Amino acid sequence: MNAISARGLTKTYRSPRKAQGLLASLRSLWHREHTVITAVSELDLELAPGETVGFLGPNGAGKTTTLKMLAGLIEPTAGTVRVLGYDSTQRPPELLRRLTLVMGNKQQLLWDLPPSETFELNRALYDVDRARFARIRDELVDLLALGSVIDRPARNLSLGERMKCELAAGLIHEPEVLFLDEPTIGLDVSMQVAVRQFIADWSRRHGATVLLTSHYMDDIAALCSRVVVIDGGRLRYDGALTALAERYAPERAVRIRLARPPVEPVGPLAVVGQELVGQVPAAAVPELLARVMATGEVLEVSVEPQPLEDALRRLFGGAA
């Protein structure tokens, strides 16, 4: 059985529409026109138990709406969704005790209280017995290095410290399914690495299923071998991260430093000072390097794949 299974998942909204002017305002009191906005359209999605999947798309693609439907916060307009075998739209308590939704731009920490009090509140809400609570809390404090912050008021914590405490609070009941919406948003590079490492460690220790959204491609590359990409509420890609990069950004960035400035370009490589630089199709790299190496002038060679952002940009452009 899949941990998460959605079929034909669709969410539409009716948005009021009004022309400018006093007359239009008066008319809208009796007759209001609406525009139907489709946030998610006929989305199929399946995650196996213990799988960590990146959920990507531009702003407004429908990612957060999808996570909220999967978690049971909002009801889909059409389609079916099952999480751990339950219909999440019915919000059964048996399911809610086994999942969590952590959103980087929302907070559950109580501003004037220390995170330890929020942990205790969640223990009571999820009816976690005290022995189990103490074990999980201590594990979270250790993994996230929270020993020096959990007893300080939330308002006195840095953004990174608060985000780590938010993650801990969302995991106090040891959920089997994690919906993580931009968990590293606004964090500095070192804190992003810490949160990434924590998610990987927690998933490995507990066999948790993770659906992760992030605009930081380093998060996705570090945690996910599979990605699901949506744009305009529709599925655009579902498969291996490596295959996505090869399909939409197959070129390699080649930089060759020579013993002396080259006389002329070599193939697609342009002359930049003492280097040959350019974008080369992956299949053509070996032959091109052999040509240059034969000159005996090569000091240093660098061949790098294109950034994942380039692949996504081309994917979205093709969809458009």
Protein backbone atom coordinates (compact mmCIF):
# COMPACT_ATOMS: atom_id res chain seq x y z
CA MET A 1 0.00 0.00 0.00
CA ASN A 2 1.27 3.47 -0.88
CA ALA A 3 1.79 5.93 1.95
CA ILE A 4 0.21 8.69 -0.18
CA SER A 5 -2.11 8.21 -3.14
CA ALA A 6 -4.00 10.97 -4.97
CA ARG A 7 -6.11 10.57 -8.09
CA GLY A 8 -7.52 13.42 -10.17
CA LEU A 9 -6.89 15.85 -7.32
CA THR A 10 -8.46 19.21 -8.22
CA LYS A 11 -9.06 22.45 -6.34
CA THR A 12 -10.89 25.47 -7.73
CA TYR A 13 -11.85 28.78 -6.09
CA ARG A 14 -14.44 31.40 -6.95
CA SER A 15 -12.91 34.88 -6.77
CA PRO A 16 -15.16 37.99 -6.75
CA ARG A 17 -14.72 40.27 -9.76
CA LYS A 18 -15.82 43.91 -9.89
CA ALA A 19 -15.31 46.71 -12.38
CA GLN A 20 -14.02 50.07 -11.15
CA GLY A 21 -16.32 52.94 -10.23
CA LEU A 22 -19.17 53.77 -7.85
CA LEU A 23 -21.86 52.38 -10.12
CA ALA A 24 -20.07 49.05 -10.37
CA SER A 25 -19.73 48.94 -6.59
CA LEU A 26 -23.47 49.52 -6.12
CA ARG A 27 -24.30 46.93 -8.77
CA SER A 28 -22.13 44.34 -7.02
CA LEU A 29 -24.37 44.57 -3.94
CA TRP A 30 -27.11 42.73 -5.87
CA HIS A 31 -25.19 40.93 -8.56
CA ARG A 32 -21.59 39.88 -7.99
CA GLU A 33 -19.58 38.29 -10.77
CA HIS A 34 -16.95 35.67 -10.04
CA THR A 35 -13.91 34.24 -11.74
CA VAL A 36 -13.15 30.54 -11.31
CA ILE A 37 -9.48 29.98 -10.45
CA THR A 38 -8.00 26.51 -10.76
CA ALA A 39 -5.23 26.03 -8.22
CA VAL A 40 -4.68 22.30 -8.84
CA SER A 41 -6.00 20.32 -11.80
CA GLU A 42 -6.35 16.53 -12.06
CA LEU A 43 -3.15 15.75 -10.20
CA ASP A 44 -2.12 12.10 -9.76
CA LEU A 45 0.50 11.43 -7.10
CA GLU A 46 1.82 8.35 -5.32
CA LEU A 47 4.53 7.99 -2.68
CA ALA A 48 5.77 4.68 -1.32
CA PRO A 49 6.35 4.23 2.43
CA GLY A 50 9.69 5.71 3.49
CA GLU A 51 10.16 7.65 0.24
CA THR A 52 11.43 11.25 0.21
CA VAL A 53 10.16 13.19 -2.82
CA GLY A 54 10.82 16.77 -3.89
CA PHE A 55 7.71 18.72 -4.89
CA LEU A 56 8.71 21.56 -7.22
CA GLY A 57 7.09 24.36 -9.16
CA PRO A 58 7.14 28.15 -9.56
CA ASN A 59 5.29 30.48 -7.23
CA GLY A 60 1.54 29.95 -7.61
CA ALA A 61 1.95 26.48 -9.13
CA GLY A 62 -0.32 24.88 -6.52
CA LYS A 63 2.26 23.19 -4.28
CA THR A 64 1.02 24.49 -0.92
CA THR A 65 -2.62 23.93 -1.93
CA THR A 66 -1.76 20.32 -2.76
CA LEU A 67 -0.03 19.78 0.58
CA LYS A 68 -3.02 21.23 2.43
CA MET A 69 -5.39 18.87 0.57
CA LEU A 70 -3.18 15.87 1.29
CA ALA A 71 -3.01 16.83 4.98
CA GLY A 72 -6.78 17.34 5.18
CA LEU A 73 -6.70 21.08 5.86
CA ILE A 74 -8.78 21.91 2.79
CA GLU A 75 -11.20 19.76 0.84
CA PRO A 76 -10.55 19.09 -2.86
CA THR A 77 -13.13 20.15 -5.41
CA ALA A 78 -12.72 16.79 -7.16
CA GLY A 79 -10.58 13.69 -6.97
CA THR A 80 -9.61 11.31 -4.20
CA VAL A 81 -6.75 11.33 -1.74
CA ARG A 82 -5.64 8.63 0.67
CA VAL A 83 -2.83 8.90 3.19
CA LEU A 84 -1.77 5.76 5.07
CA GLY A 85 -4.93 4.12 3.77
CA TYR A 86 -7.27 6.81 5.16
CA ASP A 87 -9.37 9.36 3.29
CA SER A 88 -7.62 12.50 4.54
CA THR A 89 -10.54 14.73 3.52
CA GLN A 90 -12.50 13.17 6.42
CA ARG A 91 -9.71 14.11 8.87
CA PRO A 92 -9.93 10.91 10.94
CA PRO A 93 -8.09 11.23 14.28
CA GLU A 94 -6.29 7.96 13.56
CA LEU A 95 -4.65 9.64 10.55
CA LEU A 96 -3.99 13.06 12.08
CA ARG A 97 -1.92 11.40 14.83
CA ARG A 98 0.34 9.93 12.13
CA LEU A 99 1.13 12.94 9.92
CA THR A 100 2.44 16.47 10.22
CA LEU A 101 2.53 19.62 8.07
CA VAL A 102 5.34 22.10 8.74
CA MET A 103 5.24 25.37 6.80
CA GLY A 104 8.29 27.61 6.74
CA ASN A 105 6.20 30.80 6.54
CA LYS A 106 3.85 29.86 9.41
CA GLN A 107 4.59 29.21 13.05
CA GLN A 108 3.03 27.30 15.89
CA LEU A 109 5.48 28.40 18.58
CA LEU A 110 3.88 30.61 21.21
CA TRP A 111 5.71 33.95 21.00
CA ASP A 112 6.11 34.63 24.74
CA LEU A 113 6.70 31.03 25.82
CA PRO A 114 9.74 28.79 25.36
CA PRO A 115 9.56 26.02 22.73
CA SER A 116 9.56 23.43 25.52
CA GLU A 117 6.05 24.62 26.44
CA THR A 118 4.87 24.16 22.83
CA PHE A 119 6.36 20.66 22.88
CA GLU A 120 4.38 19.90 26.04
CA LEU A 121 1.20 21.34 24.51
CA ASN A 122 1.59 19.11 21.45
CA ARG A 123 2.23 16.12 23.71
CA ALA A 124 -1.15 16.71 25.30
CA LEU A 125 -2.92 17.37 21.97
CA TYR A 126 -1.62 14.16 20.44
CA ASP A 127 -2.03 12.19 23.70
CA VAL A 128 1.60 11.03 23.70
CA ASP A 129 2.48 9.20 26.92
CA ARG A 130 5.22 10.86 28.94
CA ALA A 131 7.84 8.14 28.55
CA ARG A 132 7.52 8.18 24.77
CA PHE A 133 7.42 12.00 24.76
CA ALA A 134 10.63 12.23 26.75
CA ARG A 135 12.38 9.82 24.38
CA ILE A 136 11.29 11.67 21.22
CA ARG A 137 11.96 15.13 22.70
CA ASP A 138 15.47 14.13 23.75
CA GLU A 139 16.15 12.67 20.30
CA LEU A 140 14.95 15.85 18.59
CA VAL A 141 16.93 18.09 20.92
CA ASP A 142 20.04 16.04 20.19
CA LEU A 143 19.59 15.89 16.41
CA LEU A 144 18.79 19.60 16.11
CA ALA A 145 21.20 20.81 18.81
CA LEU A 146 18.41 22.60 20.70
CA GLY A 147 19.67 22.13 24.25
CA SER A 148 20.55 25.80 24.70
CA VAL A 149 17.38 27.28 23.17
CA ILE A 150 14.27 25.27 24.12
CA ASP A 151 13.85 27.06 27.46
CA ARG A 152 14.19 30.59 26.06
CA PRO A 153 11.10 32.57 24.92
CA ALA A 154 10.44 32.06 21.21
CA ARG A 155 10.63 35.83 20.61
CA ASN A 156 14.31 35.76 21.67
CA LEU A 157 15.33 33.07 19.18
CA SER A 158 16.90 33.64 15.78
CA LEU A 159 15.03 32.65 12.64
CA GLY A 160 17.11 29.50 12.27
CA GLU A 161 16.58 28.50 15.90
CA ARG A 162 12.83 29.05 15.59
CA MET A 163 12.66 26.97 12.40
CA LYS A 164 14.45 24.08 14.05
CA CYS A 165 12.06 24.32 17.00
CA GLU A 166 9.10 24.37 14.58
CA LEU A 167 10.35 21.12 13.06
CA ALA A 168 10.77 19.57 16.49
CA ALA A 169 7.28 20.65 17.58
CA GLY A 170 5.80 19.08 14.43
CA LEU A 171 7.53 15.77 15.13
CA ILE A 172 6.80 15.34 18.85
CA HIS A 173 4.09 12.76 18.01
CA GLU A 174 6.54 10.80 15.79
CA PRO A 175 4.53 11.07 12.54
CA GLU A 176 4.91 8.57 9.72
CA VAL A 177 4.19 11.14 6.96
CA LEU A 178 5.86 14.56 6.79
CA PHE A 179 4.61 17.37 4.57
CA LEU A 180 7.35 20.02 4.63
CA ASP A 181 6.60 23.31 2.88
CA GLU A 182 9.75 25.46 2.47
CA PRO A 183 11.36 24.33 5.77
CA THR A 184 14.60 26.23 5.03
CA ILE A 185 13.07 29.49 3.78
CA GLY A 186 15.02 32.54 4.92
CA LEU A 187 17.79 30.53 6.60
CA ASP A 188 21.49 31.11 6.05
CA VAL A 189 23.60 28.49 4.29
CA SER A 190 24.91 26.79 7.45
CA MET A 191 21.42 26.54 8.94
CA GLN A 192 20.03 25.15 5.68
CA VAL A 193 22.65 22.40 5.82
CA ALA A 194 21.73 21.63 9.45
CA VAL A 195 18.02 21.36 8.69
CA ARG A 196 18.71 19.21 5.61
CA GLN A 197 20.86 16.84 7.62
CA PHE A 198 18.19 16.60 10.28
CA ILE A 199 15.45 15.72 7.79
CA ALA A 200 17.66 13.02 6.25
CA ASP A 201 18.56 11.58 9.66
CA TRP A 202 14.97 11.61 10.92
CA SER A 203 13.62 9.95 7.79
CA ARG A 204 16.28 7.25 7.93
CA ARG A 205 15.78 6.53 11.65
CA HIS A 206 11.99 6.41 11.55
CA GLY A 207 11.26 5.28 7.98
CA ALA A 208 9.11 8.39 7.48
CA THR A 209 7.57 9.34 4.15
CA VAL A 210 8.50 12.93 3.21
CA LEU A 211 7.00 15.26 0.60
CA LEU A 212 9.19 18.37 0.49
CA THR A 213 8.77 21.69 -1.29
CA SER A 214 11.66 24.11 -1.57
CA HIS A 215 12.94 26.88 -3.81
CA TYR A 216 16.48 25.97 -2.74
CA MET A 217 17.62 23.33 -5.20
CA ASP A 218 20.39 22.26 -2.83
CA ASP A 219 17.65 20.97 -0.49
CA ILE A 220 16.16 18.85 -3.26
CA ALA A 221 19.51 17.56 -4.55
CA ALA A 222 20.62 16.57 -1.04
CA LEU A 223 17.43 14.81 0.03
CA CYS A 224 15.48 13.59 -3.01
CA SER A 225 16.24 11.12 -5.78
CA ARG A 226 12.73 11.63 -7.21
CA VAL A 227 10.96 14.89 -7.97
CA VAL A 228 7.42 15.83 -8.91
CA VAL A 229 7.08 19.11 -10.82
CA ILE A 230 3.81 21.01 -11.27
CA ASP A 231 3.10 24.26 -13.06
CA GLY A 232 -0.26 25.99 -13.34
CA GLY A 233 -1.69 23.30 -11.08
CA ARG A 234 -0.89 20.52 -13.57
CA LEU A 235 1.68 17.75 -13.40
CA ARG A 236 4.66 18.46 -15.67
CA TYR A 237 7.18 15.84 -14.58
CA ASP A 238 7.38 12.87 -12.20
CA GLY A 239 10.58 10.88 -12.13
CA ALA A 240 14.25 10.73 -11.22
CA LEU A 241 16.05 13.98 -10.45
CA THR A 242 19.01 12.92 -12.59
CA ALA A 243 16.75 12.20 -15.56
CA LEU A 244 15.15 15.64 -15.22
CA ALA A 245 18.56 17.30 -15.39
CA GLU A 246 19.66 15.20 -18.36
CA ARG A 247 16.44 15.83 -20.24
CA TYR A 248 16.15 19.58 -19.82
CA ALA A 249 19.76 20.66 -19.20
CA PRO A 250 22.00 18.14 -21.01
CA GLU A 251 24.88 20.53 -21.63
CA ARG A 252 28.07 20.68 -19.59
CA ALA A 253 29.91 23.82 -18.57
CA VAL A 254 33.47 23.29 -19.80
CA ARG A 255 36.42 25.42 -18.73
CA ILE A 256 39.97 24.61 -19.86
CA ARG A 257 42.97 26.61 -18.66
CA LEU A 258 45.98 26.52 -20.99
CA ALA A 259 49.66 27.19 -20.52
CA ARG A 260 49.36 30.20 -22.84
CA PRO A 261 46.47 32.14 -24.35
CA PRO A 262 44.79 30.14 -27.15
CA VAL A 263 44.96 31.53 -30.67
CA GLU A 264 41.37 30.74 -31.67
CA PRO A 265 38.16 29.14 -30.31
CA VAL A 266 37.82 25.36 -30.32
CA GLY A 267 34.37 24.20 -31.38
CA PRO A 268 31.79 25.88 -29.08
CA LEU A 269 34.49 26.94 -26.62
CA ALA A 270 35.28 30.64 -26.69
CA VAL A 271 38.57 32.25 -25.77
CA VAL A 272 38.50 34.06 -22.42
CA GLY A 273 41.98 35.23 -21.46
CA GLN A 274 44.06 32.09 -21.01
CA GLU A 275 41.03 29.78 -20.99
CA LEU A 276 38.58 28.08 -23.33
CA VAL A 277 35.04 28.38 -21.93
CA GLY A 278 31.60 27.31 -23.15
CA GLN A 279 28.53 25.07 -23.01
CA VAL A 280 28.97 21.66 -24.65
CA PRO A 281 26.46 18.82 -25.19
CA ALA A 282 27.37 16.00 -22.82
CA ALA A 283 27.94 13.50 -25.66
CA ALA A 284 30.45 15.83 -27.35
CA VAL A 285 32.62 16.49 -24.28
CA PRO A 286 35.06 13.51 -24.64
CA GLU A 287 35.91 14.28 -28.29
CA LEU A 288 36.34 17.99 -27.58
CA LEU A 289 38.62 17.35 -24.59
CA ALA A 290 40.72 14.94 -26.65
CA ARG A 291 41.25 17.63 -29.30
CA VAL A 292 42.44 20.18 -26.77
CA MET A 293 44.51 17.74 -24.73
CA ALA A 294 46.40 16.75 -27.89
CA THR A 295 47.95 20.22 -27.99
CA GLY A 296 49.89 19.53 -24.80
CA GLU A 297 49.02 22.98 -23.48
CA VAL A 298 46.36 22.01 -20.90
CA LEU A 299 46.93 22.97 -17.25
CA GLU A 300 43.45 22.48 -15.78
CA VAL A 301 40.07 21.10 -16.91
CA SER A 302 36.66 21.65 -15.33
CA VAL A 303 33.45 19.93 -16.57
CA GLU A 304 30.30 20.72 -14.59
CA PRO A 305 26.62 19.83 -15.12
CA GLN A 306 24.16 22.66 -15.57
CA PRO A 307 22.38 23.92 -12.43
CA LEU A 308 19.06 22.23 -11.69
CA GLU A 309 17.47 25.67 -11.90
CA ASP A 310 18.27 25.72 -15.63
CA ALA A 311 16.44 22.42 -16.15
CA LEU A 312 13.38 23.71 -14.31
CA ARG A 313 13.41 27.00 -16.19
CA ARG A 314 13.39 25.13 -19.50
CA LEU A 315 10.69 22.78 -18.27
CA PHE A 316 8.44 25.67 -17.24
CA GLY A 317 9.19 27.49 -20.48
CA GLY A 318 8.23 24.43 -22.50
CA ALA A 319 5.02 24.07 -20.53
CA ALA A 320 4.17 27.69 -21.19
